[in-house]
N, C-alpha and C. Protein backbone atom coordinates (compact mmCIF):
# COMPACT_ATOMS: atom_id res chain seq x y z
N MET A 1 58.01 40.50 103.09
CA MET A 1 58.02 41.65 103.98
C MET A 1 58.14 41.15 105.42
N ALA A 2 59.08 41.67 106.12
CA ALA A 2 59.31 41.25 107.51
C ALA A 2 58.24 41.82 108.42
N ARG A 3 57.83 41.03 109.36
CA ARG A 3 56.85 41.49 110.35
C ARG A 3 57.58 42.23 111.46
N ILE A 4 56.94 43.24 112.00
CA ILE A 4 57.52 44.00 113.10
C ILE A 4 56.97 43.44 114.40
N THR A 5 57.85 43.14 115.34
CA THR A 5 57.43 42.57 116.61
C THR A 5 57.35 43.66 117.68
N VAL A 6 56.77 43.30 118.80
CA VAL A 6 56.68 44.23 119.93
C VAL A 6 58.07 44.62 120.39
N ASP A 7 58.98 43.67 120.40
CA ASP A 7 60.35 43.96 120.83
C ASP A 7 61.01 45.00 119.92
N ASP A 8 60.72 44.93 118.62
CA ASP A 8 61.26 45.93 117.70
C ASP A 8 60.70 47.32 118.02
N CYS A 9 59.43 47.39 118.34
CA CYS A 9 58.78 48.67 118.63
C CYS A 9 59.24 49.26 119.96
N LEU A 10 59.61 48.40 120.90
CA LEU A 10 60.03 48.88 122.22
C LEU A 10 61.33 49.68 122.16
N GLU A 11 62.06 49.57 121.05
CA GLU A 11 63.26 50.39 120.88
C GLU A 11 62.88 51.87 120.72
N PHE A 12 61.70 52.13 120.16
CA PHE A 12 61.25 53.50 119.91
C PHE A 12 60.36 54.04 121.02
N ILE A 13 59.49 53.18 121.55
CA ILE A 13 58.61 53.54 122.66
C ILE A 13 58.84 52.49 123.74
N PRO A 14 59.65 52.79 124.76
CA PRO A 14 60.09 51.76 125.71
C PRO A 14 59.01 51.24 126.65
N ASN A 15 57.90 51.93 126.81
CA ASN A 15 56.85 51.51 127.72
C ASN A 15 55.76 50.79 126.94
N ARG A 16 55.43 49.56 127.32
CA ARG A 16 54.42 48.78 126.59
C ARG A 16 53.05 49.44 126.62
N PHE A 17 52.69 50.11 127.72
CA PHE A 17 51.40 50.78 127.80
C PHE A 17 51.34 51.93 126.81
N GLU A 18 52.40 52.74 126.75
CA GLU A 18 52.43 53.85 125.80
C GLU A 18 52.45 53.34 124.36
N LEU A 19 53.09 52.20 124.14
CA LEU A 19 53.10 51.60 122.81
C LEU A 19 51.68 51.21 122.39
N THR A 20 50.92 50.64 123.31
CA THR A 20 49.54 50.27 123.02
C THR A 20 48.70 51.50 122.71
N LEU A 21 48.91 52.58 123.46
CA LEU A 21 48.17 53.82 123.18
C LEU A 21 48.51 54.36 121.79
N ALA A 22 49.78 54.34 121.43
CA ALA A 22 50.20 54.82 120.11
C ALA A 22 49.60 53.96 119.00
N GLU A 23 49.56 52.66 119.20
CA GLU A 23 49.00 51.76 118.20
C GLU A 23 47.50 51.99 118.03
N SER A 24 46.79 52.17 119.12
CA SER A 24 45.34 52.39 119.02
C SER A 24 45.03 53.74 118.39
N TYR A 25 45.86 54.74 118.68
CA TYR A 25 45.69 56.06 118.07
C TYR A 25 45.86 55.96 116.55
N ARG A 26 46.88 55.24 116.11
CA ARG A 26 47.14 55.10 114.68
C ARG A 26 46.04 54.28 114.01
N ALA A 27 45.54 53.25 114.68
CA ALA A 27 44.46 52.44 114.13
C ALA A 27 43.20 53.27 113.94
N ARG A 28 42.91 54.16 114.90
CA ARG A 28 41.76 55.05 114.75
C ARG A 28 41.94 56.00 113.57
N GLN A 29 43.14 56.52 113.40
CA GLN A 29 43.42 57.41 112.27
C GLN A 29 43.14 56.70 110.94
N ILE A 30 43.60 55.47 110.82
CA ILE A 30 43.40 54.73 109.58
C ILE A 30 41.93 54.40 109.38
N SER A 31 41.22 54.07 110.45
CA SER A 31 39.81 53.69 110.31
C SER A 31 38.92 54.86 109.90
N ILE A 32 39.33 56.10 110.20
CA ILE A 32 38.51 57.25 109.79
C ILE A 32 38.90 57.78 108.41
N GLY A 33 39.90 57.14 107.79
CA GLY A 33 40.20 57.48 106.41
C GLY A 33 41.58 58.02 106.13
N ASN A 34 42.43 58.17 107.11
CA ASN A 34 43.80 58.61 106.83
C ASN A 34 44.53 57.53 106.05
N THR A 35 45.51 57.95 105.26
CA THR A 35 46.23 56.99 104.43
C THR A 35 47.21 56.18 105.27
N ALA A 36 47.38 54.94 104.86
CA ALA A 36 48.34 54.06 105.53
C ALA A 36 49.75 54.46 105.11
N LEU A 37 50.71 54.22 105.98
CA LEU A 37 52.10 54.57 105.70
C LEU A 37 52.85 53.45 104.99
N VAL A 38 52.23 52.30 104.85
CA VAL A 38 52.84 51.17 104.14
C VAL A 38 51.95 50.79 102.97
N ASP A 39 52.52 50.10 102.00
CA ASP A 39 51.78 49.67 100.83
C ASP A 39 50.84 48.53 101.21
N GLU A 40 49.54 48.71 100.98
CA GLU A 40 48.56 47.70 101.35
C GLU A 40 48.69 46.44 100.50
N ASN A 41 49.15 46.58 99.28
CA ASN A 41 49.24 45.43 98.38
C ASN A 41 50.43 44.54 98.68
N ASN A 42 51.32 44.97 99.54
CA ASN A 42 52.51 44.20 99.86
C ASN A 42 52.37 43.50 101.21
N ASP A 43 51.15 43.10 101.56
CA ASP A 43 50.91 42.45 102.83
C ASP A 43 50.21 41.12 102.59
N LYS A 44 50.43 40.19 103.47
CA LYS A 44 49.77 38.89 103.33
C LYS A 44 48.29 39.06 103.65
N PRO A 45 47.42 38.33 102.95
CA PRO A 45 45.97 38.45 103.21
C PRO A 45 45.56 37.87 104.54
């Protein structure tokens, strides 16, 4: 599975600060119990 880099994400959210906000928002969603959008078993430990 290919890793996604910051440069890849900047194509969708061009501002690094806004990208950080979006990442932290999604991390909070996952930590409170929302389902992940990728398969957890297909990731390196």
